[in-house]
Amino acid sequence: MDPVIAGKEPIEVEVEEGKTYFWCTCGRSARQPFCDGAHKGSDMAPKSFKAETSGTVWLCACKRTREQPFCDGSHEAL
């Protein structure tokens, strides 16, 4: 199953150092860019990541990034 394109621009998120986040890989979550369990019943699962520092990050919404969960500009080719 290919992920749904949830958006064609990255999503700006404030993260806290040491906190673990679960990025949606399927594109179906209503809580983009984070997982809400919408992948259940598929072979997809969220990607967990721990914030190394507090601050702003840009998370991928197109679900095509090679730098999961961070935007790498892949949306520009859609």
N, C-alpha and C. Protein backbone atom coordinates (compact mmCIF):
# COMPACT_ATOMS: atom_id res chain seq x y z
N MET A 1 0.84 -1.17 0.00
CA MET A 1 0.00 0.00 0.00
C MET A 1 0.89 1.24 0.00
N ASP A 2 0.65 2.15 -0.91
CA ASP A 2 1.39 3.41 -0.94
C ASP A 2 0.75 4.39 0.03
N PRO A 3 1.55 5.24 0.65
CA PRO A 3 0.98 6.23 1.55
C PRO A 3 0.18 7.29 0.79
N VAL A 4 -0.83 7.83 1.44
CA VAL A 4 -1.62 8.92 0.90
C VAL A 4 -0.82 10.20 1.06
N ILE A 5 -0.87 11.08 0.09
CA ILE A 5 -0.21 12.37 0.21
C ILE A 5 -1.10 13.24 1.09
N ALA A 6 -0.66 13.51 2.30
CA ALA A 6 -1.45 14.28 3.25
C ALA A 6 -1.33 15.78 3.00
N GLY A 7 -0.28 16.19 2.30
CA GLY A 7 -0.06 17.59 2.00
C GLY A 7 1.15 17.74 1.10
N LYS A 8 1.23 18.87 0.43
CA LYS A 8 2.35 19.10 -0.49
C LYS A 8 3.32 20.15 0.04
N GLU A 9 3.25 20.41 1.33
CA GLU A 9 4.17 21.31 2.01
C GLU A 9 4.52 20.66 3.35
N PRO A 10 5.72 20.87 3.86
CA PRO A 10 6.06 20.33 5.18
C PRO A 10 5.25 21.01 6.27
N ILE A 11 5.15 20.35 7.41
CA ILE A 11 4.39 20.88 8.54
C ILE A 11 5.37 21.31 9.63
N GLU A 12 5.25 22.56 10.04
CA GLU A 12 6.11 23.12 11.10
C GLU A 12 5.62 22.64 12.46
N VAL A 13 6.53 22.07 13.24
CA VAL A 13 6.18 21.52 14.55
C VAL A 13 7.22 21.94 15.58
N GLU A 14 6.75 22.28 16.77
CA GLU A 14 7.64 22.55 17.90
C GLU A 14 7.82 21.24 18.66
N VAL A 15 9.06 20.83 18.88
CA VAL A 15 9.34 19.59 19.61
C VAL A 15 10.13 19.91 20.88
N GLU A 16 10.04 18.98 21.84
CA GLU A 16 10.75 19.13 23.11
C GLU A 16 11.88 18.10 23.20
N GLU A 17 13.05 18.56 23.57
CA GLU A 17 14.21 17.68 23.71
C GLU A 17 13.89 16.46 24.56
N GLY A 18 14.25 15.29 24.05
CA GLY A 18 14.08 14.04 24.78
C GLY A 18 12.71 13.39 24.64
N LYS A 19 11.74 14.11 24.10
CA LYS A 19 10.39 13.57 23.94
C LYS A 19 10.30 12.72 22.67
N THR A 20 9.55 11.63 22.74
CA THR A 20 9.37 10.75 21.58
C THR A 20 8.07 11.10 20.87
N TYR A 21 8.14 11.14 19.55
CA TYR A 21 7.00 11.48 18.70
C TYR A 21 6.77 10.33 17.72
N PHE A 22 5.54 10.21 17.25
CA PHE A 22 5.18 9.16 16.30
C PHE A 22 4.62 9.81 15.03
N TRP A 23 5.45 9.84 13.99
CA TRP A 23 5.12 10.46 12.72
C TRP A 23 4.29 9.50 11.87
N CYS A 24 3.22 10.00 11.29
CA CYS A 24 2.34 9.21 10.43
C CYS A 24 3.05 8.86 9.13
N THR A 25 3.11 7.59 8.79
CA THR A 25 3.72 7.15 7.53
C THR A 25 2.67 6.86 6.46
N CYS A 26 1.42 6.63 6.86
CA CYS A 26 0.39 6.22 5.90
C CYS A 26 -0.30 7.40 5.22
N GLY A 27 -0.26 8.57 5.85
CA GLY A 27 -0.91 9.75 5.30
C GLY A 27 -2.39 9.85 5.62
N ARG A 28 -2.92 8.90 6.34
CA ARG A 28 -4.37 8.86 6.61
C ARG A 28 -4.76 9.48 7.96
N SER A 29 -3.80 9.80 8.79
CA SER A 29 -4.07 10.35 10.11
C SER A 29 -4.77 11.71 10.01
N ALA A 30 -5.76 11.92 10.85
CA ALA A 30 -6.43 13.22 10.93
C ALA A 30 -5.61 14.20 11.78
N ARG A 31 -4.55 13.72 12.42
CA ARG A 31 -3.70 14.54 13.29
C ARG A 31 -2.34 14.81 12.65
N GLN A 32 -2.29 14.98 11.35
CA GLN A 32 -1.03 15.19 10.64
C GLN A 32 -0.18 16.25 11.32
N PRO A 33 1.10 16.01 11.43
CA PRO A 33 1.89 14.93 10.84
C PRO A 33 2.03 13.72 11.74
N PHE A 34 1.26 13.69 12.83
CA PHE A 34 1.40 12.61 13.80
C PHE A 34 0.37 11.51 13.60
N CYS A 35 0.70 10.33 14.09
CA CYS A 35 -0.14 9.14 13.95
C CYS A 35 -1.35 9.21 14.87
N ASP A 36 -2.51 8.79 14.35
CA ASP A 36 -3.71 8.65 15.17
C ASP A 36 -4.27 7.23 15.09
N GLY A 37 -3.48 6.30 14.51
CA GLY A 37 -3.90 4.91 14.41
C GLY A 37 -4.65 4.58 13.13
N ALA A 38 -4.77 5.53 12.21
CA ALA A 38 -5.52 5.31 10.98
C ALA A 38 -4.90 4.23 10.09
N HIS A 39 -3.66 3.85 10.35
CA HIS A 39 -2.97 2.83 9.56
C HIS A 39 -3.43 1.41 9.91
N LYS A 40 -4.14 1.26 11.01
CA LYS A 40 -4.54 -0.08 11.47
C LYS A 40 -5.23 -0.85 10.35
N GLY A 41 -4.85 -2.11 10.21
CA GLY A 41 -5.38 -2.95 9.15
C GLY A 41 -4.53 -2.93 7.89
N SER A 42 -3.48 -2.10 7.90
CA SER A 42 -2.55 -2.04 6.76
C SER A 42 -1.20 -2.60 7.22
N ASP A 43 -0.26 -2.64 6.30
CA ASP A 43 1.08 -3.10 6.65
C ASP A 43 1.98 -1.93 7.07
N MET A 44 1.41 -0.76 7.28
CA MET A 44 2.17 0.42 7.64
C MET A 44 2.15 0.63 9.15
N ALA A 45 3.15 1.33 9.66
CA ALA A 45 3.26 1.64 11.08
C ALA A 45 3.89 3.03 11.22
N PRO A 46 3.61 3.73 12.31
CA PRO A 46 4.22 5.05 12.49
C PRO A 46 5.74 4.94 12.68
N LYS A 47 6.41 6.03 12.38
CA LYS A 47 7.86 6.14 12.56
C LYS A 47 8.10 6.93 13.85
N SER A 48 8.72 6.31 14.83
CA SER A 48 9.00 7.04 16.07
C SER A 48 10.34 7.75 15.94
N PHE A 49 10.41 8.91 16.60
CA PHE A 49 11.68 9.63 16.67
C PHE A 49 11.72 10.41 17.97
N LYS A 50 12.92 10.56 18.50
CA LYS A 50 13.13 11.32 19.74
C LYS A 50 13.79 12.64 19.37
N ALA A 51 13.21 13.73 19.84
CA ALA A 51 13.76 15.05 19.56
C ALA A 51 15.12 15.19 20.25
N GLU A 52 16.14 15.54 19.48
CA GLU A 52 17.48 15.70 20.02
C GLU A 52 17.62 17.03 20.76
N THR A 53 16.89 18.03 20.29
CA THR A 53 16.89 19.35 20.93
C THR A 53 15.47 19.91 20.85
N SER A 54 15.17 20.88 21.69
CA SER A 54 13.88 21.56 21.62
C SER A 54 13.95 22.61 20.51
N GLY A 55 12.84 22.78 19.81
CA GLY A 55 12.80 23.80 18.76
C GLY A 55 11.86 23.41 17.64
N THR A 56 12.00 24.11 16.53
CA THR A 56 11.14 23.93 15.36
C THR A 56 11.75 22.91 14.42
N VAL A 57 10.92 21.98 13.94
CA VAL A 57 11.32 21.04 12.90
C VAL A 57 10.25 21.07 11.81
N TRP A 58 10.61 20.66 10.62
CA TRP A 58 9.68 20.60 9.49
C TRP A 58 9.49 19.13 9.14
N LEU A 59 8.28 18.62 9.39
CA LEU A 59 7.99 17.22 9.15
C LEU A 59 7.29 17.04 7.81
N CYS A 60 7.62 15.96 7.14
CA CYS A 60 7.10 15.66 5.81
C CYS A 60 5.60 15.39 5.87
N ALA A 61 4.85 15.97 4.93
CA ALA A 61 3.41 15.70 4.81
C ALA A 61 3.11 14.89 3.56
N CYS A 62 4.03 14.90 2.58
CA CYS A 62 3.77 14.17 1.33
C CYS A 62 4.07 12.68 1.49
N LYS A 63 4.79 12.32 2.54
CA LYS A 63 5.14 10.93 2.87
C LYS A 63 6.12 10.31 1.87
N ARG A 64 6.81 11.13 1.09
CA ARG A 64 7.77 10.64 0.10
C ARG A 64 9.22 10.93 0.48
N THR A 65 9.44 11.56 1.63
CA THR A 65 10.80 11.93 2.05
C THR A 65 11.69 10.70 2.22
N ARG A 66 12.96 10.89 1.93
CA ARG A 66 13.95 9.84 2.19
C ARG A 66 14.60 10.07 3.55
N GLU A 67 14.22 11.14 4.23
CA GLU A 67 14.80 11.52 5.53
C GLU A 67 13.75 11.43 6.64
N GLN A 68 12.93 10.39 6.62
CA GLN A 68 11.81 10.27 7.56
C GLN A 68 12.22 10.57 8.99
N PRO A 69 11.47 11.39 9.68
CA PRO A 69 10.21 12.03 9.35
C PRO A 69 10.36 13.44 8.79
N PHE A 70 11.59 13.86 8.56
CA PHE A 70 11.86 15.25 8.19
C PHE A 70 11.73 15.49 6.70
N CYS A 71 11.25 16.68 6.35
CA CYS A 71 11.09 17.05 4.95
C CYS A 71 12.45 17.13 4.26
N ASP A 72 12.54 16.54 3.07
CA ASP A 72 13.76 16.64 2.27
C ASP A 72 13.49 17.31 0.93
N GLY A 73 12.30 17.90 0.77
CA GLY A 73 11.95 18.58 -0.48
C GLY A 73 11.32 17.69 -1.51
N SER A 74 11.05 16.43 -1.18
CA SER A 74 10.45 15.50 -2.15
C SER A 74 9.11 15.98 -2.68
N HIS A 75 8.39 16.80 -1.89
CA HIS A 75 7.08 17.31 -2.33
C HIS A 75 7.19 18.18 -3.58
N GLU A 76 8.37 18.72 -3.85
CA GLU A 76 8.56 19.59 -5.02
C GLU A 76 8.43 18.81 -6.33
N ALA A 77 8.57 17.50 -6.28
CA ALA A 77 8.48 16.67 -7.50
C ALA A 77 7.06 16.10 -7.73
N LEU A 78 6.13 16.42 -6.84
CA LEU A 78 4.77 15.89 -6.99
C LEU A 78 3.96 16.68 -7.99
